């Protein structure tokens, strides 16, 4: 029964989300139940691609990411894949009419991580972030608006800014691993070996502006999506504040986290704001 296989596939995407990101998983749980599976499937797809280029050091990463792409397009053509992550994602792509240019932009940025260690111009940096993060926000927005093209066009700029903000916070949080393990520097004009307060302030100011614009879109989201997206927004704002208050040398030598206790408090705060219609 294909229906049973599809149900299992979406459960696999949910399992990937829960195991790789408790924070994102909590935010997805705050979405309306009728759109959760679709967001799980998007996360599963982008997470597996990201794992290939970031984690599978003992394997042929280029072959793996190319095979992953080929199998995805086979799934689109056939309407099924025995890879449950690809099977659930292809169903979401078709159901919500996610355009192929978004998927191609994402895969292009993932492949850049195999060959590029630094981004020296703002144009290169913006292009990478568009593919690695902005388009993921746009894929999710397709689900949130349920096929409403007018609403999608109205909110797409803010969705991209939210994707950018999340990605840049991740870059700042992962400074140590990106620099020392993966030998990558995403921030143009910033020397990670002499990372200082001025560089940190410049990056944080850029992220804060992304968040400011993104918030304008969150308040306009359909009710099914608003609380979940706002929960993720509040979490990442808290993480950014913690990074702002962390000395530069600590960011460069340790991964900064928000404790589970603090996450619970943020969730409660988000719920109160949502119920009071402050967002």
Protein backbone atom coordinates (compact mmCIF):
# COMPACT_ATOMS: atom_id res chain seq x y z
CA UNK A 1 0.00 0.00 0.00
CA UNK A 2 1.56 3.25 -1.17
CA UNK A 3 -0.36 5.26 1.43
CA UNK A 4 1.26 3.30 4.25
CA UNK A 5 4.70 3.76 2.69
CA UNK A 6 4.08 7.50 2.39
CA UNK A 7 3.07 7.66 6.06
CA UNK A 8 6.25 5.85 7.03
CA UNK A 9 8.28 8.21 4.82
CA UNK A 10 6.91 11.30 6.55
CA UNK A 11 7.58 9.70 9.93
CA UNK A 12 11.20 9.19 8.86
CA UNK A 13 11.46 12.90 7.98
CA UNK A 14 10.00 13.76 11.36
CA UNK A 15 12.53 11.47 13.06
CA UNK A 16 15.39 13.17 11.21
CA UNK A 17 14.11 16.57 12.35
CA UNK A 18 13.77 15.52 15.99
CA UNK A 19 17.21 13.91 16.12
CA UNK A 20 19.14 16.62 14.32
CA UNK A 21 17.45 19.70 15.77
CA UNK A 22 15.38 19.71 18.94
CA UNK A 23 14.83 23.46 18.57
CA UNK A 24 13.48 23.30 15.03
CA UNK A 25 11.45 20.22 15.91
CA UNK A 26 9.80 22.12 18.78
CA UNK A 27 8.96 24.99 16.44
CA UNK A 28 7.44 22.62 13.87
CA UNK A 29 5.30 21.08 16.59
CA UNK A 30 3.76 24.53 17.12
CA UNK A 31 2.52 24.58 13.55
CA UNK A 32 -0.95 23.41 12.66
CA UNK A 33 -1.02 19.61 12.41
CA UNK A 34 -2.10 19.72 8.76
CA UNK A 35 1.19 21.30 7.61
CA UNK A 36 3.73 19.72 9.99
CA UNK A 37 4.53 16.72 7.80
CA UNK A 38 5.34 18.93 4.82
CA UNK A 39 7.80 21.01 6.88
CA UNK A 40 9.37 17.85 8.32
CA UNK A 41 9.88 16.61 4.77
CA UNK A 42 11.60 19.85 3.71
CA UNK A 43 13.88 19.73 6.74
CA UNK A 44 14.74 16.07 6.10
CA UNK A 45 15.75 16.83 2.52
CA UNK A 46 17.92 19.84 3.32
CA UNK A 47 19.43 18.17 6.39
CA UNK A 48 20.55 15.08 4.48
CA UNK A 49 22.14 17.21 1.75
CA UNK A 50 23.89 19.32 4.38
CA UNK A 51 25.13 16.23 6.22
CA UNK A 52 26.68 14.89 3.03
CA UNK A 53 28.87 17.97 2.54
CA UNK A 54 29.57 18.67 6.22
CA UNK A 55 29.94 15.29 7.91
CA UNK A 56 30.71 12.35 5.63
CA UNK A 57 34.47 12.96 5.50
CA UNK A 58 35.40 9.30 4.93
CA UNK A 59 33.26 9.02 1.81
CA UNK A 60 33.15 10.46 -1.69
CA UNK A 61 31.01 13.51 -0.91
CA UNK A 62 30.77 14.71 -4.51
CA UNK A 63 29.44 11.36 -5.64
CA UNK A 64 27.02 11.20 -2.71
CA UNK A 65 25.51 14.65 -3.35
CA UNK A 66 25.26 13.99 -7.08
CA UNK A 67 23.57 10.63 -6.45
CA UNK A 68 21.22 12.32 -3.97
CA UNK A 69 20.23 14.83 -6.64
CA UNK A 70 19.75 12.14 -9.30
CA UNK A 71 17.59 10.06 -6.96
CA UNK A 72 15.49 13.11 -6.12
CA UNK A 73 14.68 13.73 -9.78
CA UNK A 74 13.91 10.05 -10.27
CA UNK A 75 11.46 10.38 -7.36
CA UNK A 76 9.84 13.43 -9.00
CA UNK A 77 9.52 11.57 -12.29
CA UNK A 78 8.17 8.32 -10.82
CA UNK A 79 6.21 9.74 -7.89
CA UNK A 80 8.05 7.43 -5.47
CA UNK A 81 11.47 6.74 -3.99
CA UNK A 82 12.62 3.90 -1.78
CA UNK A 83 14.60 6.57 0.08
CA UNK A 84 11.84 7.69 2.49
CA UNK A 85 13.31 11.19 2.86
CA UNK A 86 13.17 11.75 -0.88
CA UNK A 87 9.76 10.10 -1.11
CA UNK A 88 8.18 12.44 1.44
CA UNK A 89 9.91 15.49 -0.05
CA UNK A 90 8.77 14.79 -3.61
CA UNK A 91 5.19 14.55 -2.38
CA UNK A 92 5.50 17.94 -0.67
CA UNK A 93 7.11 19.49 -3.75
CA UNK A 94 4.20 18.38 -5.91
CA UNK A 95 1.45 19.15 -3.42
CA UNK A 96 2.62 22.71 -2.78
CA UNK A 97 4.05 23.43 -6.23
CA UNK A 98 7.58 24.15 -4.99
CA UNK A 99 9.46 25.40 -8.06
CA UNK A 100 12.56 23.60 -9.24
CA UNK A 101 14.67 26.76 -9.29
CA UNK A 102 14.52 26.81 -5.47
CA UNK A 103 15.77 23.23 -5.24
CA UNK A 104 18.51 23.83 -7.81
CA UNK A 105 19.69 26.95 -5.95
CA UNK A 106 19.84 24.94 -2.73
CA UNK A 107 21.82 22.08 -4.26
CA UNK A 108 24.20 24.55 -5.91
CA UNK A 109 25.08 26.08 -2.52
CA UNK A 110 25.55 22.63 -0.99
CA UNK A 111 27.96 21.68 -3.78
CA UNK A 112 29.90 24.91 -3.23
CA UNK A 113 30.76 23.66 0.25
CA UNK A 114 32.77 20.88 -1.41
CA UNK A 115 35.02 23.21 -3.39
CA UNK A 116 34.91 26.66 -1.80
CA UNK A 117 36.43 27.60 1.56
CA UNK A 118 35.86 31.35 1.59
CA UNK A 119 33.54 34.08 0.34
CA UNK A 120 35.47 37.22 -0.47
CA UNK A 121 32.75 39.47 -1.88
CA UNK A 122 29.25 40.36 -0.72
CA UNK A 123 27.87 39.06 -4.02
CA UNK A 124 29.36 35.59 -3.44
CA UNK A 125 28.18 35.62 0.17
CA UNK A 126 24.62 36.68 -0.76
CA UNK A 127 24.40 34.06 -3.50
CA UNK A 128 25.49 31.29 -1.12
CA UNK A 129 23.02 32.37 1.56
CA UNK A 130 20.21 32.62 -0.99
CA UNK A 131 20.78 29.00 -1.99
CA UNK A 132 21.53 27.55 1.41
CA UNK A 133 18.89 29.40 3.46
CA UNK A 134 16.64 31.87 1.65
CA UNK A 135 15.19 29.24 -0.67
CA UNK A 136 14.47 26.97 2.30
CA UNK A 137 12.41 29.79 3.76
CA UNK A 138 10.61 30.09 0.43
CA UNK A 139 9.90 26.35 0.31
CA UNK A 140 8.37 26.56 3.77
CA UNK A 141 6.40 29.66 2.78
CA UNK A 142 4.85 27.69 -0.09
CA UNK A 143 3.48 25.31 2.54
CA UNK A 144 2.43 28.06 4.95
CA UNK A 145 0.29 29.90 2.39
CA UNK A 146 -1.21 26.67 1.03
CA UNK A 147 -0.82 27.55 -2.64
CA UNK A 148 -2.02 31.17 -2.36
CA UNK A 149 0.23 32.79 -4.99
CA UNK A 150 -0.71 36.35 -4.01
CA UNK A 151 0.12 35.71 -0.35
CA UNK A 152 3.39 34.01 -1.34
CA UNK A 153 4.49 36.99 -3.43
CA UNK A 154 3.50 39.35 -0.61
CA UNK A 155 5.63 37.53 1.98
CA UNK A 156 8.54 36.11 0.01
CA UNK A 157 11.01 38.94 0.78
CA UNK A 158 10.41 38.63 4.52
CA UNK A 159 10.67 34.83 4.32
CA UNK A 160 14.05 35.16 2.63
CA UNK A 161 15.26 37.58 5.29
CA UNK A 162 14.23 35.15 8.01
CA UNK A 163 16.13 32.36 6.25
CA UNK A 164 19.16 34.66 5.98
CA UNK A 165 18.98 35.58 9.67
CA UNK A 166 18.81 31.95 10.78
CA UNK A 167 21.73 30.99 8.55
CA UNK A 168 23.94 33.87 9.66
CA UNK A 169 23.25 33.06 13.33
CA UNK A 170 24.28 29.49 12.56
CA UNK A 171 27.49 30.74 10.91
CA UNK A 172 28.33 32.80 13.99
CA UNK A 173 27.46 29.96 16.36
CA UNK A 174 29.47 27.42 14.35
CA UNK A 175 32.51 29.65 13.89
CA UNK A 176 34.83 27.18 15.61
CA UNK A 177 33.80 24.10 13.61
CA UNK A 178 33.61 25.95 10.29
CA UNK A 179 37.07 27.44 10.79
CA UNK A 180 39.01 24.67 12.54
CA UNK A 181 37.35 21.52 11.20
CA UNK A 182 35.81 22.41 7.83
CA UNK A 183 38.25 25.20 6.94
CA UNK A 184 35.45 27.51 5.84
CA UNK A 185 34.86 31.21 6.32
CA UNK A 186 31.49 32.47 5.13
CA UNK A 187 31.89 36.10 6.25
CA UNK A 188 33.57 38.28 3.60
CA UNK A 189 36.22 40.63 4.89
CA UNK A 190 36.45 38.88 8.28
CA UNK A 191 39.65 37.14 9.39
CA UNK A 192 38.53 34.34 11.70
CA UNK A 193 42.04 33.94 13.09
CA UNK A 194 41.84 37.47 14.48
CA UNK A 195 38.09 37.68 15.05
CA UNK A 196 37.36 40.78 17.14
CA UNK A 197 34.48 42.76 18.64
CA UNK A 198 34.21 45.11 15.66
CA UNK A 199 33.76 42.17 13.29
CA UNK A 200 31.21 40.60 15.62
CA UNK A 201 29.22 43.84 15.96
CA UNK A 202 29.14 44.29 12.20
CA UNK A 203 27.78 40.75 11.68
CA UNK A 204 25.21 41.09 14.47
CA UNK A 205 23.95 44.42 13.13
CA UNK A 206 23.39 42.77 9.74
CA UNK A 207 21.48 39.90 11.35
CA UNK A 208 19.37 42.25 13.46
CA UNK A 209 18.26 44.06 10.32
CA UNK A 210 17.28 40.73 8.75
CA UNK A 211 15.26 39.89 11.86
CA UNK A 212 13.56 43.30 11.85
CA UNK A 213 12.30 42.88 8.32
CA UNK A 214 11.45 39.21 8.81
CA UNK A 215 9.20 40.05 11.78
CA UNK A 216 7.05 42.19 9.51
CA UNK A 217 6.25 39.06 7.52
CA UNK A 218 5.68 36.78 10.50
CA UNK A 219 2.76 38.89 11.73
CA UNK A 220 1.10 38.46 8.31
CA UNK A 221 1.41 34.66 8.17
CA UNK A 222 -1.70 32.46 8.23
CA UNK A 223 -2.72 31.33 11.72
CA UNK A 224 -1.67 27.74 10.93
CA UNK A 225 1.96 28.84 10.64
CA UNK A 226 2.37 31.99 12.71
CA UNK A 227 3.03 30.53 16.18
CA UNK A 228 5.53 27.92 14.95
CA UNK A 229 7.51 30.42 12.91
CA UNK A 230 7.44 32.95 15.75
CA UNK A 231 8.75 30.28 18.14
CA UNK A 232 11.77 29.70 15.88
CA UNK A 233 12.21 33.47 15.52
CA UNK A 234 12.31 33.99 19.30
CA UNK A 235 14.75 31.10 19.78
CA UNK A 236 17.20 32.44 17.20
CA UNK A 237 16.92 35.98 18.59
CA UNK A 238 17.85 34.58 22.00
CA UNK A 239 20.79 32.68 20.54
CA UNK A 240 21.97 35.85 18.80
CA UNK A 241 21.76 37.77 22.08
CA UNK A 242 23.81 35.08 23.78
CA UNK A 243 26.43 35.29 21.02
CA UNK A 244 26.47 39.06 21.37
CA UNK A 245 27.24 38.71 25.08
CA UNK A 246 29.93 36.05 24.53
CA UNK A 247 33.57 37.19 24.21
CA UNK A 248 34.98 36.77 20.70
CA UNK A 249 37.64 34.27 21.73
CA UNK A 250 34.97 32.00 23.22
CA UNK A 251 32.88 32.05 20.02
CA UNK A 252 36.00 30.99 18.14
CA UNK A 253 36.79 28.10 20.48
CA UNK A 254 33.42 26.73 21.64
CA UNK A 255 29.93 26.19 20.29
CA UNK A 256 27.43 28.48 22.03
CA UNK A 257 24.05 26.98 22.89
CA UNK A 258 20.76 27.94 24.52
CA UNK A 259 20.00 25.59 27.42
CA UNK A 260 16.89 23.38 27.38
CA UNK A 261 15.61 25.27 30.43
CA UNK A 262 15.96 28.57 28.57
CA UNK A 263 14.25 27.07 25.52
CA UNK A 264 11.26 26.13 27.65
CA UNK A 265 11.07 29.68 28.96
CA UNK A 266 11.22 31.08 25.42
CA UNK A 267 8.42 28.77 24.36
CA UNK A 268 6.24 30.00 27.22
CA UNK A 269 7.05 33.62 26.37
CA UNK A 270 6.22 33.01 22.71
CA UNK A 271 2.90 31.43 23.64
CA UNK A 272 1.89 34.40 25.81
CA UNK A 273 2.84 36.88 23.08
CA UNK A 274 0.89 34.86 20.53
CA UNK A 275 -2.22 34.64 22.71
CA UNK A 276 -2.06 38.35 23.48
CA UNK A 277 -1.79 38.95 19.72
CA UNK A 278 1.53 40.74 20.12
CA UNK A 279 2.75 38.92 17.02
